[in-house]
Amino acid sequence: MLWLQTHFENDQWEALSNSTVIISEENSQLLIEDATNAGLNIECFF
């Protein structure tokens, strides 16, 4: 949760939690890489 809070503003949380955000594949890969480097286990659904 802390990792997400450091990457997204408070006003974006509702859209994120409702799955109404579209993130480009390039940005998704960057977020996955950053999260993995932070020690998180990520499952991708493309």
PDB file of N, CA and C in Angstrom:
ATOM      1  N   MET A   1       0.818  -1.189   0.000  1.00  0.00           N
ATOM      2  CA  MET A   1       0.000   0.000   0.000  1.00  0.00           C
ATOM      3  C   MET A   1       0.869   1.263   0.000  1.00  0.00           C
ATOM      4  N   LEU A   2       1.919   1.250   0.800  1.00  0.00           N
ATOM      5  CA  LEU A   2       2.805   2.417   0.846  1.00  0.00           C
ATOM      6  C   LEU A   2       3.418   2.683  -0.522  1.00  0.00           C
ATOM      7  N   TRP A   3       3.803   1.634  -1.225  1.00  0.00           N
ATOM      8  CA  TRP A   3       4.388   1.813  -2.546  1.00  0.00           C
ATOM      9  C   TRP A   3       3.390   2.527  -3.459  1.00  0.00           C
ATOM     10  N   LEU A   4       2.135   2.098  -3.435  1.00  0.00           N
ATOM     11  CA  LEU A   4       1.120   2.747  -4.267  1.00  0.00           C
ATOM     12  C   LEU A   4       0.933   4.201  -3.883  1.00  0.00           C
ATOM     13  N   GLN A   5       0.950   4.477  -2.577  1.00  0.00           N
ATOM     14  CA  GLN A   5       0.756   5.845  -2.113  1.00  0.00           C
ATOM     15  C   GLN A   5       1.882   6.767  -2.565  1.00  0.00           C
ATOM     16  N   THR A   6       3.071   6.223  -2.766  1.00  0.00           N
ATOM     17  CA  THR A   6       4.188   7.057  -3.210  1.00  0.00           C
ATOM     18  C   THR A   6       4.162   7.294  -4.719  1.00  0.00           C
ATOM     19  N   HIS A   7       3.312   6.567  -5.444  1.00  0.00           N
ATOM     20  CA  HIS A   7       3.280   6.688  -6.897  1.00  0.00           C
ATOM     21  C   HIS A   7       2.023   7.363  -7.445  1.00  0.00           C
ATOM     22  N   PHE A   8       0.980   7.474  -6.633  1.00  0.00           N
ATOM     23  CA  PHE A   8      -0.271   8.054  -7.113  1.00  0.00           C
ATOM     24  C   PHE A   8      -0.791   9.077  -6.109  1.00  0.00           C
ATOM     25  N   GLU A   9      -1.353  10.159  -6.628  1.00  0.00           N
ATOM     26  CA  GLU A   9      -1.926  11.218  -5.795  1.00  0.00           C
ATOM     27  C   GLU A   9      -3.237  10.740  -5.179  1.00  0.00           C
ATOM     28  N   ASN A  10      -3.626  11.360  -4.070  1.00  0.00           N
ATOM     29  CA  ASN A  10      -4.864  10.994  -3.377  1.00  0.00           C
ATOM     30  C   ASN A  10      -6.092  11.070  -4.276  1.00  0.00           C
ATOM     31  N   ASP A  11      -6.144  12.073  -5.153  1.00  0.00           N
ATOM     32  CA  ASP A  11      -7.325  12.236  -6.002  1.00  0.00           C
ATOM     33  C   ASP A  11      -7.426  11.171  -7.093  1.00  0.00           C
ATOM     34  N   GLN A  12      -6.414  10.321  -7.242  1.00  0.00           N
ATOM     35  CA  GLN A  12      -6.440   9.251  -8.233  1.00  0.00           C
ATOM     36  C   GLN A  12      -6.880   7.912  -7.643  1.00  0.00           C
ATOM     37  N   TRP A  13      -7.006   7.846  -6.314  1.00  0.00           N
ATOM     38  CA  TRP A  13      -7.310   6.572  -5.659  1.00  0.00           C
ATOM     39  C   TRP A  13      -8.663   6.006  -6.038  1.00  0.00           C
ATOM     40  N   GLU A  14      -9.687   6.840  -6.164  1.00  0.00           N
ATOM     41  CA  GLU A  14     -11.018   6.328  -6.498  1.00  0.00           C
ATOM     42  C   GLU A  14     -11.003   5.657  -7.862  1.00  0.00           C
ATOM     43  N   ALA A  15     -10.413   6.297  -8.835  1.00  0.00           N
ATOM     44  CA  ALA A  15     -10.339   5.706 -10.172  1.00  0.00           C
ATOM     45  C   ALA A  15      -9.522   4.418 -10.166  1.00  0.00           C
ATOM     46  N   LEU A  16      -8.421   4.410  -9.422  1.00  0.00           N
ATOM     47  CA  LEU A  16      -7.597   3.198  -9.336  1.00  0.00           C
ATOM     48  C   LEU A  16      -8.367   2.047  -8.703  1.00  0.00           C
ATOM     49  N   SER A  17      -9.072   2.320  -7.620  1.00  0.00           N
ATOM     50  CA  SER A  17      -9.792   1.254  -6.919  1.00  0.00           C
ATOM     51  C   SER A  17     -11.006   0.766  -7.697  1.00  0.00           C
ATOM     52  N   ASN A  18     -11.520   1.589  -8.619  1.00  0.00           N
ATOM     53  CA  ASN A  18     -12.657   1.188  -9.441  1.00  0.00           C
ATOM     54  C   ASN A  18     -12.233   0.628 -10.797  1.00  0.00           C
ATOM     55  N   SER A  19     -10.929   0.469 -10.991  1.00  0.00           N
ATOM     56  CA  SER A  19     -10.383  -0.059 -12.256  1.00  0.00           C
ATOM     57  C   SER A  19     -10.818   0.761 -13.461  1.00  0.00           C
ATOM     58  N   THR A  20     -10.859   2.064 -13.310  1.00  0.00           N
ATOM     59  CA  THR A  20     -11.252   2.932 -14.418  1.00  0.00           C
ATOM     60  C   THR A  20     -10.069   3.736 -14.955  1.00  0.00           C
ATOM     61  N   VAL A  21      -8.870   3.245 -14.706  1.00  0.00           N
ATOM     62  CA  VAL A  21      -7.660   3.911 -15.164  1.00  0.00           C
ATOM     63  C   VAL A  21      -7.039   3.078 -16.276  1.00  0.00           C
ATOM     64  N   ILE A  22      -6.605   3.750 -17.310  1.00  0.00           N
ATOM     65  CA  ILE A  22      -5.883   3.070 -18.394  1.00  0.00           C
ATOM     66  C   ILE A  22      -4.434   3.528 -18.324  1.00  0.00           C
ATOM     67  N   ILE A  23      -3.540   2.553 -18.161  1.00  0.00           N
ATOM     68  CA  ILE A  23      -2.103   2.825 -18.098  1.00  0.00           C
ATOM     69  C   ILE A  23      -1.471   2.185 -19.328  1.00  0.00           C
ATOM     70  N   SER A  24      -0.662   2.940 -20.026  1.00  0.00           N
ATOM     71  CA  SER A  24      -0.028   2.403 -21.231  1.00  0.00           C
ATOM     72  C   SER A  24       0.844   1.198 -20.879  1.00  0.00           C
ATOM     73  N   GLU A  25       1.086   0.362 -21.861  1.00  0.00           N
ATOM     74  CA  GLU A  25       1.924  -0.816 -21.628  1.00  0.00           C
ATOM     75  C   GLU A  25       3.321  -0.406 -21.174  1.00  0.00           C
ATOM     76  N   GLU A  26       3.856   0.648 -21.774  1.00  0.00           N
ATOM     77  CA  GLU A  26       5.188   1.131 -21.393  1.00  0.00           C
ATOM     78  C   GLU A  26       5.207   1.556 -19.919  1.00  0.00           C
ATOM     79  N   ASN A  27       4.215   2.351 -19.504  1.00  0.00           N
ATOM     80  CA  ASN A  27       4.160   2.788 -18.109  1.00  0.00           C
ATOM     81  C   ASN A  27       3.876   1.626 -17.168  1.00  0.00           C
ATOM     82  N   SER A  28       3.074   0.665 -17.624  1.00  0.00           N
ATOM     83  CA  SER A  28       2.823  -0.526 -16.804  1.00  0.00           C
ATOM     84  C   SER A  28       4.120  -1.268 -16.532  1.00  0.00           C
ATOM     85  N   GLN A  29       4.932  -1.421 -17.563  1.00  0.00           N
ATOM     86  CA  GLN A  29       6.208  -2.118 -17.400  1.00  0.00           C
ATOM     87  C   GLN A  29       7.114  -1.372 -16.422  1.00  0.00           C
ATOM     88  N   LEU A  30       7.117  -0.044 -16.502  1.00  0.00           N
ATOM     89  CA  LEU A  30       7.938   0.747 -15.583  1.00  0.00           C
ATOM     90  C   LEU A  30       7.446   0.597 -14.138  1.00  0.00           C
ATOM     91  N   LEU A  31       6.129   0.607 -13.941  1.00  0.00           N
ATOM     92  CA  LEU A  31       5.575   0.421 -12.598  1.00  0.00           C
ATOM     93  C   LEU A  31       5.885  -0.969 -12.061  1.00  0.00           C
ATOM     94  N   ILE A  32       5.764  -1.974 -12.925  1.00  0.00           N
ATOM     95  CA  ILE A  32       6.066  -3.351 -12.521  1.00  0.00           C
ATOM     96  C   ILE A  32       7.531  -3.474 -12.125  1.00  0.00           C
ATOM     97  N   GLU A  33       8.405  -2.894 -12.927  1.00  0.00           N
ATOM     98  CA  GLU A  33       9.841  -2.946 -12.625  1.00  0.00           C
ATOM     99  C   GLU A  33      10.143  -2.263 -11.293  1.00  0.00           C
ATOM    100  N   ASP A  34       9.561  -1.089 -11.095  1.00  0.00           N
ATOM    101  CA  ASP A  34       9.790  -0.355  -9.858  1.00  0.00           C
ATOM    102  C   ASP A  34       9.249  -1.122  -8.652  1.00  0.00           C
ATOM    103  N   ALA A  35       8.061  -1.679  -8.776  1.00  0.00           N
ATOM    104  CA  ALA A  35       7.461  -2.438  -7.676  1.00  0.00           C
ATOM    105  C   ALA A  35       8.275  -3.688  -7.367  1.00  0.00           C
ATOM    106  N   THR A  36       8.725  -4.372  -8.395  1.00  0.00           N
ATOM    107  CA  THR A  36       9.540  -5.572  -8.211  1.00  0.00           C
ATOM    108  C   THR A  36      10.853  -5.215  -7.511  1.00  0.00           C
ATOM    109  N   ASN A  37      11.462  -4.117  -7.933  1.00  0.00           N
ATOM    110  CA  ASN A  37      12.698  -3.663  -7.283  1.00  0.00           C
ATOM    111  C   ASN A  37      12.473  -3.293  -5.825  1.00  0.00           C
ATOM    112  N   ALA A  38      11.235  -2.913  -5.488  1.00  0.00           N
ATOM    113  CA  ALA A  38      10.894  -2.562  -4.107  1.00  0.00           C
ATOM    114  C   ALA A  38      10.549  -3.802  -3.279  1.00  0.00           C
ATOM    115  N   GLY A  39      10.594  -4.984  -3.933  1.00  0.00           N
ATOM    116  CA  GLY A  39      10.347  -6.221  -3.202  1.00  0.00           C
ATOM    117  C   GLY A  39       8.922  -6.738  -3.276  1.00  0.00           C
ATOM    118  N   LEU A  40       8.094  -6.143  -4.131  1.00  0.00           N
ATOM    119  CA  LEU A  40       6.711  -6.609  -4.277  1.00  0.00           C
ATOM    120  C   LEU A  40       6.633  -7.706  -5.326  1.00  0.00           C
ATOM    121  N   ASN A  41       5.730  -8.649  -5.120  1.00  0.00           N
ATOM    122  CA  ASN A  41       5.461  -9.682  -6.117  1.00  0.00           C
ATOM    123  C   ASN A  41       4.291  -9.219  -6.969  1.00  0.00           C
ATOM    124  N   ILE A  42       4.486  -9.158  -8.265  1.00  0.00           N
ATOM    125  CA  ILE A  42       3.489  -8.616  -9.180  1.00  0.00           C
ATOM    126  C   ILE A  42       2.993  -9.715 -10.114  1.00  0.00           C
ATOM    127  N   GLU A  43       1.666  -9.817 -10.279  1.00  0.00           N
ATOM    128  CA  GLU A  43       1.071 -10.703 -11.263  1.00  0.00           C
ATOM    129  C   GLU A  43       0.481  -9.821 -12.350  1.00  0.00           C
ATOM    130  N   CYS A  44       0.834 -10.088 -13.573  1.00  0.00           N
ATOM    131  CA  CYS A  44       0.380  -9.257 -14.693  1.00  0.00           C
ATOM    132  C   CYS A  44      -0.740  -9.953 -15.454  1.00  0.00           C
ATOM    133  N   PHE A  45      -1.730  -9.156 -15.849  1.00  0.00           N
ATOM    134  CA  PHE A  45      -2.837  -9.628 -16.660  1.00  0.00           C
ATOM    135  C   PHE A  45      -2.902  -8.730 -17.896  1.00  0.00           C
ATOM    136  N   PHE A  46      -2.413  -9.218 -18.998  1.00  0.00           N
ATOM    137  CA  PHE A  46      -2.421  -8.407 -20.225  1.00  0.00           C
ATOM    138  C   PHE A  46      -3.429  -8.939 -21.189  1.00  0.00           C
TER     139      PHE A  46
END
